[in-house]
Amino acid sequence: MSSLQIFLRCETRMNVETVVVKDQAGKVVRSTYFEDEPEQRRPIHRVSHDEAVLIAQTIYER
């Protein structure tokens, strides 16, 4: 079995609490919610802003 790699152009948008990755058609591929305050982040299981950007970059590069 061979692997097939498909490269699509993606768009990344950053909102107040969300980093959104969309495909060429404008469909949301991934939404990552973040919170920069550690005390507020822990109980709601959100990542930091930097981690959300890293997740988006990882998706964008694939």
C-alpha atoms as a PDB file:
ATOM      1  CA  MET A   1       0.000   0.000   0.000  1.00  0.00           C
ATOM      2  CA  SER A   2       1.401   3.377  -0.934  1.00  0.00           C
ATOM      3  CA  SER A   3       0.746   6.589   0.914  1.00  0.00           C
ATOM      4  CA  LEU A   4      -0.860   9.501  -0.848  1.00  0.00           C
ATOM      5  CA  GLN A   5      -0.007  13.028   0.183  1.00  0.00           C
ATOM      6  CA  ILE A   6      -2.395  15.817  -0.680  1.00  0.00           C
ATOM      7  CA  PHE A   7      -1.377  19.414  -0.225  1.00  0.00           C
ATOM      8  CA  LEU A   8      -4.166  21.938   0.116  1.00  0.00           C
ATOM      9  CA  ARG A   9      -3.989  25.628   0.765  1.00  0.00           C
ATOM     10  CA  CYS A  10      -5.308  26.452   4.198  1.00  0.00           C
ATOM     11  CA  GLU A  11      -6.234  29.693   5.865  1.00  0.00           C
ATOM     12  CA  THR A  12      -5.631  30.417   9.532  1.00  0.00           C
ATOM     13  CA  ARG A  13      -7.721  32.951  11.437  1.00  0.00           C
ATOM     14  CA  MET A  14      -7.325  34.052  15.013  1.00  0.00           C
ATOM     15  CA  ASN A  15     -10.279  35.252  17.061  1.00  0.00           C
ATOM     16  CA  VAL A  16     -10.454  36.349  20.685  1.00  0.00           C
ATOM     17  CA  GLU A  17     -10.326  32.791  22.109  1.00  0.00           C
ATOM     18  CA  THR A  18      -9.973  30.627  18.996  1.00  0.00           C
ATOM     19  CA  VAL A  19      -7.491  29.731  16.281  1.00  0.00           C
ATOM     20  CA  VAL A  20      -9.392  28.440  13.227  1.00  0.00           C
ATOM     21  CA  VAL A  21      -7.907  26.573  10.263  1.00  0.00           C
ATOM     22  CA  LYS A  22     -10.033  26.508   7.067  1.00  0.00           C
ATOM     23  CA  ASP A  23      -9.463  24.635   3.829  1.00  0.00           C
ATOM     24  CA  GLN A  24      -9.635  26.100   0.307  1.00  0.00           C
ATOM     25  CA  ALA A  25     -13.412  25.821   0.230  1.00  0.00           C
ATOM     26  CA  GLY A  26     -13.739  27.733   3.497  1.00  0.00           C
ATOM     27  CA  LYS A  27     -14.697  24.664   5.514  1.00  0.00           C
ATOM     28  CA  VAL A  28     -13.394  24.652   9.086  1.00  0.00           C
ATOM     29  CA  VAL A  29     -10.778  21.925   9.448  1.00  0.00           C
ATOM     30  CA  ARG A  30      -9.875  22.632  13.059  1.00  0.00           C
ATOM     31  CA  SER A  31     -10.882  25.083  15.776  1.00  0.00           C
ATOM     32  CA  THR A  32      -8.642  25.291  18.811  1.00  0.00           C
ATOM     33  CA  TYR A  33      -9.865  27.233  21.821  1.00  0.00           C
ATOM     34  CA  PHE A  34      -7.256  28.813  24.063  1.00  0.00           C
ATOM     35  CA  GLU A  35      -6.984  30.671  27.348  1.00  0.00           C
ATOM     36  CA  ASP A  36      -3.888  32.527  28.481  1.00  0.00           C
ATOM     37  CA  GLU A  37      -4.719  32.653  32.194  1.00  0.00           C
ATOM     38  CA  PRO A  38      -3.430  29.397  33.767  1.00  0.00           C
ATOM     39  CA  GLU A  39      -5.983  29.533  36.590  1.00  0.00           C
ATOM     40  CA  GLN A  40      -8.853  29.702  34.094  1.00  0.00           C
ATOM     41  CA  ARG A  41      -7.287  27.315  31.564  1.00  0.00           C
ATOM     42  CA  ARG A  42      -6.945  24.340  33.901  1.00  0.00           C
ATOM     43  CA  PRO A  43     -10.616  23.720  34.825  1.00  0.00           C
ATOM     44  CA  ILE A  44     -11.873  24.070  31.227  1.00  0.00           C
ATOM     45  CA  HIS A  45      -8.997  22.089  29.655  1.00  0.00           C
ATOM     46  CA  ARG A  46      -7.878  24.719  27.152  1.00  0.00           C
ATOM     47  CA  VAL A  47      -4.402  25.175  25.745  1.00  0.00           C
ATOM     48  CA  SER A  48      -2.398  28.410  25.827  1.00  0.00           C
ATOM     49  CA  HIS A  49      -2.355  30.852  22.904  1.00  0.00           C
ATOM     50  CA  ASP A  50       1.126  29.688  21.854  1.00  0.00           C
ATOM     51  CA  GLU A  51       0.044  26.034  21.900  1.00  0.00           C
ATOM     52  CA  ALA A  52      -3.046  26.849  19.794  1.00  0.00           C
ATOM     53  CA  VAL A  53      -0.878  28.600  17.191  1.00  0.00           C
ATOM     54  CA  LEU A  54       1.506  25.622  17.146  1.00  0.00           C
ATOM     55  CA  ILE A  55      -1.416  23.242  16.535  1.00  0.00           C
ATOM     56  CA  ALA A  56      -2.632  25.417  13.638  1.00  0.00           C
ATOM     57  CA  GLN A  57       0.857  25.592  12.130  1.00  0.00           C
ATOM     58  CA  THR A  58       1.189  21.810  12.341  1.00  0.00           C
ATOM     59  CA  ILE A  59      -2.104  21.320  10.488  1.00  0.00           C
ATOM     60  CA  TYR A  60      -1.199  24.012   7.945  1.00  0.00           C
ATOM     61  CA  GLU A  61       2.152  22.355   7.162  1.00  0.00           C
ATOM     62  CA  ARG A  62       0.649  18.911   6.532  1.00  0.00           C
END
